[in-house]
C-alpha atoms as a PDB file:
ATOM      1  CA  MET A   1      35.326-104.582 190.470  1.00  0.00           C
ATOM      2  CA  CYS A   2      37.775-102.041 191.855  1.00  0.00           C
ATOM      3  CA  ARG A   3      40.767-102.557 194.156  1.00  0.00           C
ATOM      4  CA  TRP A   4      41.745-100.289 197.026  1.00  0.00           C
ATOM      5  CA  ALA A   5      44.156 -99.922 199.914  1.00  0.00           C
ATOM      6  CA  ALA A   6      44.174 -97.740 203.026  1.00  0.00           C
ATOM      7  CA  TYR A   7      46.768 -97.074 205.699  1.00  0.00           C
ATOM      8  CA  THR A   8      46.804 -95.584 209.188  1.00  0.00           C
ATOM      9  CA  GLY A   9      49.718 -95.243 211.629  1.00  0.00           C
ATOM     10  CA  ALA A  10      53.169 -93.724 211.721  1.00  0.00           C
ATOM     11  CA  PRO A  11      53.779 -91.655 208.559  1.00  0.00           C
ATOM     12  CA  ILE A  12      55.059 -93.608 205.549  1.00  0.00           C
ATOM     13  CA  PHE A  13      55.562 -92.769 201.890  1.00  0.00           C
ATOM     14  CA  LEU A  14      52.477 -93.528 199.828  1.00  0.00           C
ATOM     15  CA  GLU A  15      54.614 -95.651 197.520  1.00  0.00           C
ATOM     16  CA  ASP A  16      55.052 -98.198 200.340  1.00  0.00           C
ATOM     17  CA  VAL A  17      51.489 -99.294 199.593  1.00  0.00           C
ATOM     18  CA  VAL A  18      50.710 -97.882 196.156  1.00  0.00           C
ATOM     19  CA  SER A  19      53.733 -98.889 194.064  1.00  0.00           C
ATOM     20  CA  ARG A  20      56.629-100.631 195.862  1.00  0.00           C
ATOM     21  CA  PRO A  21      55.248-103.989 197.145  1.00  0.00           C
ATOM     22  CA  GLY A  22      55.269-106.970 194.811  1.00  0.00           C
ATOM     23  CA  HIS A  23      51.469-106.932 194.639  1.00  0.00           C
ATOM     24  CA  SER A  24      51.072-103.181 195.156  1.00  0.00           C
ATOM     25  CA  LEU A  25      47.902-101.328 194.257  1.00  0.00           C
ATOM     26  CA  ILE A  26      49.426-100.356 190.908  1.00  0.00           C
ATOM     27  CA  HIS A  27      50.227-104.030 190.268  1.00  0.00           C
ATOM     28  CA  GLN A  28      46.650-104.921 191.162  1.00  0.00           C
ATOM     29  CA  SER A  29      45.393-102.400 188.617  1.00  0.00           C
ATOM     30  CA  GLN A  30      46.529-104.792 185.890  1.00  0.00           C
ATOM     31  CA  CYS A  31      46.918-108.136 187.724  1.00  0.00           C
ATOM     32  CA  ALA A  32      44.236-108.366 190.439  1.00  0.00           C
ATOM     33  CA  THR A  33      43.663-111.924 191.632  1.00  0.00           C
ATOM     34  CA  LEU A  34      40.692-111.842 194.031  1.00  0.00           C
ATOM     35  CA  CYS A  35      37.993-110.185 191.931  1.00  0.00           C
ATOM     36  CA  THR A  36      36.027-110.861 188.772  1.00  0.00           C
ATOM     37  CA  SER A  37      38.170-108.514 186.668  1.00  0.00           C
ATOM     38  CA  ALA A  38      41.968-108.627 186.729  1.00  0.00           C
ATOM     39  CA  ILE A  39      42.147-105.214 185.038  1.00  0.00           C
ATOM     40  CA  ASN A  40      41.241-101.994 186.867  1.00  0.00           C
ATOM     41  CA  ALA A  41      42.063 -99.378 184.257  1.00  0.00           C
ATOM     42  CA  ASP A  42      39.276 -96.797 184.552  1.00  0.00           C
ATOM     43  CA  GLY A  43      41.176 -94.254 186.609  1.00  0.00           C
ATOM     44  CA  PHE A  44      42.730 -93.985 190.048  1.00  0.00           C
ATOM     45  CA  GLY A  45      42.890 -91.706 193.051  1.00  0.00           C
ATOM     46  CA  VAL A  46      44.652 -91.025 196.335  1.00  0.00           C
ATOM     47  CA  ALA A  47      43.423 -89.006 199.335  1.00  0.00           C
ATOM     48  CA  TRP A  48      45.956 -88.325 202.085  1.00  0.00           C
ATOM     49  CA  TYR A  49      45.997 -86.457 205.392  1.00  0.00           C
ATOM     50  CA  GLY A  50      48.829 -84.166 206.420  1.00  0.00           C
ATOM     51  CA  GLU A  51      49.011 -80.918 208.371  1.00  0.00           C
ATOM     52  CA  ARG A  52      45.530 -79.683 207.498  1.00  0.00           C
ATOM     53  CA  ASP A  53      42.129 -81.054 208.496  1.00  0.00           C
ATOM     54  CA  GLU A  54      41.047 -81.630 204.908  1.00  0.00           C
ATOM     55  CA  PRO A  55      42.849 -84.278 202.861  1.00  0.00           C
ATOM     56  CA  GLY A  56      44.870 -83.758 199.731  1.00  0.00           C
ATOM     57  CA  LEU A  57      43.317 -85.378 196.665  1.00  0.00           C
ATOM     58  CA  PHE A  58      44.828 -86.544 193.377  1.00  0.00           C
ATOM     59  CA  ARG A  59      42.671 -88.348 190.808  1.00  0.00           C
ATOM     60  CA  ASP A  60      42.958 -89.009 187.109  1.00  0.00           C
ATOM     61  CA  ILE A  61      41.406 -91.122 184.360  1.00  0.00           C
ATOM     62  CA  TYR A  62      44.515 -92.969 183.182  1.00  0.00           C
ATOM     63  CA  PRO A  63      45.347 -96.543 184.158  1.00  0.00           C
ATOM     64  CA  ALA A  64      47.385 -96.384 187.363  1.00  0.00           C
ATOM     65  CA  TRP A  65      50.265 -98.326 185.811  1.00  0.00           C
ATOM     66  CA  SER A  66      50.760 -95.807 183.004  1.00  0.00           C
ATOM     67  CA  ASP A  67      50.756 -92.491 184.883  1.00  0.00           C
ATOM     68  CA  PRO A  68      54.254 -91.313 185.852  1.00  0.00           C
ATOM     69  CA  ASN A  69      52.765 -88.490 187.962  1.00  0.00           C
ATOM     70  CA  LEU A  70      51.259 -91.067 190.331  1.00  0.00           C
ATOM     71  CA  ARG A  71      54.611 -92.763 190.911  1.00  0.00           C
ATOM     72  CA  SER A  72      56.335 -89.418 191.410  1.00  0.00           C
ATOM     73  CA  ILE A  73      53.768 -88.139 193.907  1.00  0.00           C
ATOM     74  CA  THR A  74      53.663 -91.357 195.924  1.00  0.00           C
ATOM     75  CA  ALA A  75      57.477 -91.383 196.105  1.00  0.00           C
ATOM     76  CA  GLN A  76      57.518 -87.888 197.669  1.00  0.00           C
ATOM     77  CA  VAL A  77      54.377 -87.668 199.814  1.00  0.00           C
ATOM     78  CA  ARG A  78      54.491 -89.084 203.336  1.00  0.00           C
ATOM     79  CA  SER A  79      51.244 -89.494 205.277  1.00  0.00           C
ATOM     80  CA  ARG A  80      49.915 -90.965 208.518  1.00  0.00           C
ATOM     81  CA  LEU A  81      46.557 -91.847 206.949  1.00  0.00           C
ATOM     82  CA  PHE A  82      45.633 -92.298 203.311  1.00  0.00           C
ATOM     83  CA  LEU A  83      43.185 -93.979 200.954  1.00  0.00           C
ATOM     84  CA  ALA A  84      44.136 -95.173 197.459  1.00  0.00           C
ATOM     85  CA  HIS A  85      41.908 -96.675 194.769  1.00  0.00           C
ATOM     86  CA  VAL A  86      42.097 -98.121 191.250  1.00  0.00           C
ATOM     87  CA  ARG A  87      38.802 -98.216 189.378  1.00  0.00           C
ATOM     88  CA  ALA A  88      37.003-100.747 187.220  1.00  0.00           C
ATOM     89  CA  SER A  89      33.766 -99.102 186.103  1.00  0.00           C
ATOM     90  CA  THR A  90      30.476-100.959 186.546  1.00  0.00           C
ATOM     91  CA  GLY A  91      28.768 -98.808 183.934  1.00  0.00           C
ATOM     92  CA  THR A  92      29.404 -95.117 184.543  1.00  0.00           C
ATOM     93  CA  ALA A  93      31.803 -93.094 182.425  1.00  0.00           C
ATOM     94  CA  THR A  94      35.545 -92.940 182.865  1.00  0.00           C
ATOM     95  CA  SER A  95      35.933 -89.406 184.175  1.00  0.00           C
ATOM     96  CA  ARG A  96      37.877 -87.677 186.932  1.00  0.00           C
ATOM     97  CA  ASN A  97      34.660 -86.942 188.837  1.00  0.00           C
ATOM     98  CA  ASN A  98      33.828 -90.652 188.916  1.00  0.00           C
ATOM     99  CA  CYS A  99      37.228 -91.654 190.310  1.00  0.00           C
ATOM    100  CA  HIS A 100      37.574 -92.468 193.997  1.00  0.00           C
ATOM    101  CA  PRO A 101      38.218 -91.389 196.713  1.00  0.00           C
ATOM    102  CA  PHE A 102      35.488 -88.797 197.152  1.00  0.00           C
ATOM    103  CA  VAL A 103      36.056 -85.942 199.594  1.00  0.00           C
ATOM    104  CA  VAL A 104      33.665 -83.647 201.467  1.00  0.00           C
ATOM    105  CA  GLY A 105      35.278 -81.419 204.089  1.00  0.00           C
ATOM    106  CA  ARG A 106      37.550 -83.587 206.214  1.00  0.00           C
ATOM    107  CA  TRP A 107      35.824 -86.828 205.164  1.00  0.00           C
ATOM    108  CA  SER A 108      37.180 -89.099 202.454  1.00  0.00           C
ATOM    109  CA  PHE A 109      35.463 -92.222 201.088  1.00  0.00           C
ATOM    110  CA  MET A 110      36.132 -95.013 198.589  1.00  0.00           C
ATOM    111  CA  HIS A 111      34.150 -98.088 197.585  1.00  0.00           C
ATOM    112  CA  ASN A 112      34.369-101.356 195.701  1.00  0.00           C
ATOM    113  CA  GLY A 113      31.239-103.177 194.628  1.00  0.00           C
ATOM    114  CA  GLN A 114      27.867-102.569 193.079  1.00  0.00           C
ATOM    115  CA  ILE A 115      24.240-101.741 193.802  1.00  0.00           C
ATOM    116  CA  GLY A 116      22.035-103.902 191.622  1.00  0.00           C
ATOM    117  CA  GLY A 117      19.966-102.101 188.999  1.00  0.00           C
ATOM    118  CA  TYR A 118      21.489 -98.690 189.765  1.00  0.00           C
ATOM    119  CA  ASP A 119      21.042 -97.393 186.205  1.00  0.00           C
ATOM    120  CA  GLY A 120      17.288 -97.872 186.594  1.00  0.00           C
ATOM    121  CA  PHE A 121      16.949 -95.731 189.730  1.00  0.00           C
ATOM    122  CA  ARG A 122      19.781 -93.207 189.448  1.00  0.00           C
ATOM    123  CA  ARG A 123      17.368 -90.279 189.603  1.00  0.00           C
ATOM    124  CA  GLU A 124      15.649 -91.633 192.734  1.00  0.00           C
ATOM    125  CA  ALA A 125      19.049 -92.229 194.358  1.00  0.00           C
ATOM    126  CA  ASP A 126      20.119 -88.653 193.644  1.00  0.00           C
ATOM    127  CA  MET A 127      16.930 -87.393 195.270  1.00  0.00           C
ATOM    128  CA  MET A 128      18.045 -88.972 198.560  1.00  0.00           C
ATOM    129  CA  ILE A 129      20.883 -86.447 198.765  1.00  0.00           C
ATOM    130  CA  PRO A 130      19.759 -83.341 200.732  1.00  0.00           C
ATOM    131  CA  ALA A 131      20.003 -79.953 199.050  1.00  0.00           C
ATOM    132  CA  ALA A 132      22.819 -78.872 201.374  1.00  0.00           C
ATOM    133  CA  LEU A 133      24.998 -81.780 200.232  1.00  0.00           C
ATOM    134  CA  TYR A 134      23.954 -81.936 196.588  1.00  0.00           C
ATOM    135  CA  PRO A 135      26.587 -79.437 195.368  1.00  0.00           C
ATOM    136  CA  HIS A 136      29.144 -82.132 196.276  1.00  0.00           C
ATOM    137  CA  ARG A 137      27.561 -84.524 193.766  1.00  0.00           C
ATOM    138  CA  LYS A 138      30.121 -84.161 190.987  1.00  0.00           C
ATOM    139  CA  GLY A 139      29.983 -87.543 189.261  1.00  0.00           C
ATOM    140  CA  ALA A 140      27.439 -90.229 188.382  1.00  0.00           C
ATOM    141  CA  THR A 141      28.468 -93.262 190.436  1.00  0.00           C
ATOM    142  CA  ASP A 142      26.485 -95.222 192.992  1.00  0.00           C
ATOM    143  CA  SER A 143      29.565 -95.006 195.249  1.00  0.00           C
ATOM    144  CA  GLU A 144      29.365 -91.217 195.499  1.00  0.00           C
ATOM    145  CA  VAL A 145      25.638 -91.429 196.270  1.00  0.00           C
ATOM    146  CA  LEU A 146      26.337 -93.936 199.045  1.00  0.00           C
ATOM    147  CA  PHE A 147      28.877 -91.546 200.574  1.00  0.00           C
ATOM    148  CA  LEU A 148      26.656 -88.464 200.396  1.00  0.00           C
ATOM    149  CA  VAL A 149      23.603 -90.273 201.759  1.00  0.00           C
ATOM    150  CA  ALA A 150      25.737 -91.648 204.605  1.00  0.00           C
ATOM    151  CA  LEU A 151      26.826 -88.092 205.410  1.00  0.00           C
ATOM    152  CA  ALA A 152      23.166 -87.075 205.457  1.00  0.00           C
ATOM    153  CA  GLU A 153      22.368 -90.006 207.757  1.00  0.00           C
ATOM    154  CA  GLY A 154      24.831 -88.793 210.399  1.00  0.00           C
ATOM    155  CA  LEU A 155      28.271 -90.113 209.474  1.00  0.00           C
ATOM    156  CA  GLU A 156      29.912 -87.581 211.781  1.00  0.00           C
ATOM    157  CA  ALA A 157      28.213 -88.826 214.946  1.00  0.00           C
ATOM    158  CA  ASP A 158      27.476 -92.461 214.088  1.00  0.00           C
ATOM    159  CA  PRO A 159      29.720 -93.841 211.320  1.00  0.00           C
ATOM    160  CA  GLN A 160      28.450 -97.422 211.458  1.00  0.00           C
ATOM    161  CA  GLY A 161      24.786 -96.545 211.790  1.00  0.00           C
ATOM    162  CA  ALA A 162      24.939 -93.883 209.083  1.00  0.00           C
ATOM    163  CA  LEU A 163      26.570 -96.243 206.593  1.00  0.00           C
ATOM    164  CA  ALA A 164      24.082 -98.992 207.432  1.00  0.00           C
ATOM    165  CA  ARG A 165      21.121 -96.648 206.959  1.00  0.00           C
ATOM    166  CA  ALA A 166      22.474 -95.292 203.664  1.00  0.00           C
ATOM    167  CA  ALA A 167      23.127 -98.804 202.380  1.00  0.00           C
ATOM    168  CA  GLY A 168      19.661 -99.903 203.471  1.00  0.00           C
ATOM    169  CA  ARG A 169      17.958 -97.051 201.640  1.00  0.00           C
ATOM    170  CA  LEU A 170      19.805 -97.825 198.409  1.00  0.00           C
ATOM    171  CA  MET A 171      19.136-101.543 198.798  1.00  0.00           C
ATOM    172  CA  ALA A 172      15.424-100.698 199.004  1.00  0.00           C
ATOM    173  CA  LEU A 173      15.604 -99.016 195.584  1.00  0.00           C
ATOM    174  CA  SER A 174      17.421-102.049 194.199  1.00  0.00           C
ATOM    175  CA  ALA A 175      14.823-104.404 195.662  1.00  0.00           C
ATOM    176  CA  ALA A 176      12.009-102.328 194.167  1.00  0.00           C
ATOM    177  CA  GLN A 177      13.627-102.792 190.757  1.00  0.00           C
ATOM    178  CA  GLY A 178      13.873-106.535 191.342  1.00  0.00           C
ATOM    179  CA  ALA A 179      17.617-106.356 190.705  1.00  0.00           C
ATOM    180  CA  LEU A 180      20.205-108.683 192.234  1.00  0.00           C
ATOM    181  CA  PRO A 181      22.523-108.438 194.035  1.00  0.00           C
ATOM    182  CA  HIS A 182      20.983-105.583 195.974  1.00  0.00           C
ATOM    183  CA  LEU A 183      24.413-104.665 197.358  1.00  0.00           C
ATOM    184  CA  ARG A 184      27.978-105.898 197.308  1.00  0.00           C
ATOM    185  CA  MET A 185      30.574-103.663 198.892  1.00  0.00           C
ATOM    186  CA  THR A 186      33.763-103.046 200.665  1.00  0.00           C
ATOM    187  CA  CYS A 187      34.401 -99.434 201.554  1.00  0.00           C
ATOM    188  CA  ALA A 188      36.846 -97.365 203.560  1.00  0.00           C
ATOM    189  CA  PHE A 189      36.404 -93.852 204.878  1.00  0.00           C
ATOM    190  CA  SER A 190      37.987 -91.467 207.343  1.00  0.00           C
ATOM    191  CA  ASP A 191      37.650 -88.145 209.099  1.00  0.00           C
ATOM    192  CA  GLY A 192      41.440 -87.773 209.252  1.00  0.00           C
ATOM    193  CA  GLU A 193      41.666 -89.327 212.718  1.00  0.00           C
ATOM    194  CA  THR A 194      40.112 -92.776 212.504  1.00  0.00           C
ATOM    195  CA  LEU A 195      39.980 -95.203 209.587  1.00  0.00           C
ATOM    196  CA  TYR A 196      36.713 -97.096 209.090  1.00  0.00           C
ATOM    197  CA  ALA A 197      35.988 -99.989 206.741  1.00  0.00           C
ATOM    198  CA  ALA A 198      33.080-102.299 205.966  1.00  0.00           C
ATOM    199  CA  ARG A 199      32.592-105.568 204.117  1.00  0.00           C
ATOM    200  CA  TYR A 200      29.078-106.676 203.204  1.00  0.00           C
ATOM    201  CA  ALA A 201      26.952-108.346 200.550  1.00  0.00           C
ATOM    202  CA  SER A 202      23.237-109.066 200.326  1.00  0.00           C
ATOM    203  CA  ASP A 203      24.201-112.427 198.811  1.00  0.00           C
ATOM    204  CA  ASP A 204      27.111-114.789 199.488  1.00  0.00           C
ATOM    205  CA  HIS A 205      29.662-112.919 197.384  1.00  0.00           C
ATOM    206  CA  ALA A 206      31.108-110.108 199.497  1.00  0.00           C
ATOM    207  CA  PRO A 207      34.263-108.603 197.921  1.00  0.00           C
ATOM    208  CA  SER A 208      37.523-109.550 199.610  1.00  0.00           C
ATOM    209  CA  LEU A 209      39.066-107.466 202.406  1.00  0.00           C
ATOM    210  CA  PHE A 210      42.171-107.943 204.578  1.00  0.00           C
ATOM    211  CA  HIS A 211      44.157-106.063 207.213  1.00  0.00           C
ATOM    212  CA  ARG A 212      47.579-106.342 208.849  1.00  0.00           C
ATOM    213  CA  TRP A 213      49.530-104.501 211.545  1.00  0.00           C
ATOM    214  CA  SER A 214      53.224-103.859 210.867  1.00  0.00           C
ATOM    215  CA  ALA A 215      55.241-103.419 214.067  1.00  0.00           C
ATOM    216  CA  THR A 216      58.225-102.349 211.975  1.00  0.00           C
ATOM    217  CA  ARG A 217      56.348 -99.440 210.425  1.00  0.00           C
ATOM    218  CA  GLY A 218      54.006 -98.851 213.331  1.00  0.00           C
ATOM    219  CA  GLY A 219      50.946 -98.847 211.128  1.00  0.00           C
ATOM    220  CA  ARG A 220      48.116-100.873 209.657  1.00  0.00           C
ATOM    221  CA  ALA A 221      47.148-101.516 206.047  1.00  0.00           C
ATOM    222  CA  VAL A 222      43.585-102.416 205.040  1.00  0.00           C
ATOM    223  CA  VAL A 223      43.440-103.790 201.502  1.00  0.00           C
ATOM    224  CA  SER A 224      41.323-105.516 198.882  1.00  0.00           C
ATOM    225  CA  GLU A 225      44.197-107.933 198.312  1.00  0.00           C
ATOM    226  CA  PRO A 226      47.414-108.635 200.290  1.00  0.00           C
ATOM    227  CA  LEU A 227      50.295-106.476 199.067  1.00  0.00           C
ATOM    228  CA  GLU A 228      52.700-109.421 198.851  1.00  0.00           C
ATOM    229  CA  THR A 229      51.598-112.737 197.390  1.00  0.00           C
ATOM    230  CA  ASP A 230      54.029-114.767 199.518  1.00  0.00           C
ATOM    231  CA  GLU A 231      52.962-113.340 202.905  1.00  0.00           C
ATOM    232  CA  GLY A 232      50.418-115.341 204.878  1.00  0.00           C
ATOM    233  CA  ASP A 233      49.999-113.083 207.896  1.00  0.00           C
ATOM    234  CA  TRP A 234      47.146-110.977 206.529  1.00  0.00           C
ATOM    235  CA  ASP A 235      43.873-111.298 208.446  1.00  0.00           C
ATOM    236  CA  ALA A 236      40.703-111.654 206.383  1.00  0.00           C
ATOM    237  CA  ILE A 237      37.831-109.443 207.510  1.00  0.00           C
ATOM    238  CA  PRO A 238      34.646-111.543 207.671  1.00  0.00           C
ATOM    239  CA  PRO A 239      31.632-110.690 205.523  1.00  0.00           C
ATOM    240  CA  GLY A 240      29.084-108.592 207.360  1.00  0.00           C
ATOM    241  CA  SER A 241      31.667-106.580 209.295  1.00  0.00           C
ATOM    242  CA  PHE A 242      32.192-102.946 210.240  1.00  0.00           C
ATOM    243  CA  CYS A 243      35.739-102.050 211.311  1.00  0.00           C
ATOM    244  CA  ARG A 244      37.291 -99.214 213.251  1.00  0.00           C
ATOM    245  CA  PHE A 245      41.072 -98.796 213.122  1.00  0.00           C
ATOM    246  CA  HIS A 246      42.796 -96.317 215.428  1.00  0.00           C
ATOM    247  CA  GLY A 247      46.470 -96.865 216.177  1.00  0.00           C
ATOM    248  CA  GLU A 248      47.008-100.506 217.126  1.00  0.00           C
ATOM    249  CA  ARG A 249      43.386-100.837 218.185  1.00  0.00           C
ATOM    250  CA  VAL A 250      40.997-102.787 215.990  1.00  0.00           C
ATOM    251  CA  GLU A 251      37.246-103.060 216.514  1.00  0.00           C
ATOM    252  CA  ILE A 252      35.275-105.391 214.244  1.00  0.00           C
ATOM    253  CA  ARG A 253      31.517-105.461 214.726  1.00  0.00           C
ATOM    254  CA  PRO A 254      28.635-107.137 212.872  1.00  0.00           C
ATOM    255  CA  PHE A 255      27.250-105.050 210.009  1.00  0.00           C
ATOM    256  CA  ALA A 256      23.840-105.794 208.535  1.00  0.00           C
ATOM    257  CA  PRO A 257      21.953-102.961 206.791  1.00  0.00           C
ATOM    258  CA  GLU A 258      18.178-103.235 206.814  1.00  0.00           C
ATOM    259  CA  ILE A 259      16.422-102.564 203.530  1.00  0.00           C
ATOM    260  CA  GLY A 260      14.778 -99.160 203.688  1.00  0.00           C
ATOM    261  CA  ALA A 261      16.218 -98.277 207.117  1.00  0.00           C
ATOM    262  CA  ARG A 262      16.379 -94.576 208.005  1.00  0.00           C
ATOM    263  CA  ALA A 263      17.367 -92.594 211.067  1.00  0.00           C
ATOM    264  CA  ALA A 264      14.528 -91.976 213.501  1.00  0.00           C
END
């Protein structure tokens, strides 16, 4: 599975999360410890917010540890809110369009996990994306479908409900195929103002997720794995949680998609 990290707060250089810590995201791309695969070499991406409403986006297909452009960019770009991701494919091709984060307008989204049996219902999943949003379907991943269906379900007005409804609709397709697990996921997404995250699984194996506030930096990191292996002050986010991070404020609510659920 993939590894990701997000940050919100006072502006910092992207490298403070992506490359500098002892267990940075780049380090996790080849030495992850809390997932089934230690290697996440199927591309990477960073989406960051600056002076404009829409985020900047840099993605490529190389392993994160071997791309000097990534280190150079993260050493120069400072941001108050960003999402970064290293990818381990669960079946779709290694291509730039399949790398996270995904961006539509001012929204950015990244995901770690799987939807059981996705290869068997990819066409049906694509048909859930409304015509107005379908031009944004650039790749072939279940993660991008989840994002676009969540947008269609009202992500702008109801982030938690929209994600739950999108997840429930895709879980219904998985259940119809008889595939398990129907869904395992952690995801993070933002409109450039607020950072949202969710941790959920339809079984007992939700991917790991942690967060920590740094008073020194004046910001919060939300990560698949702690960025330093010798630091014990990271808070684990419980399975079945939806999180809202805005400044120092943290809201963690129960999250339980219903199979087949749709907006009224």
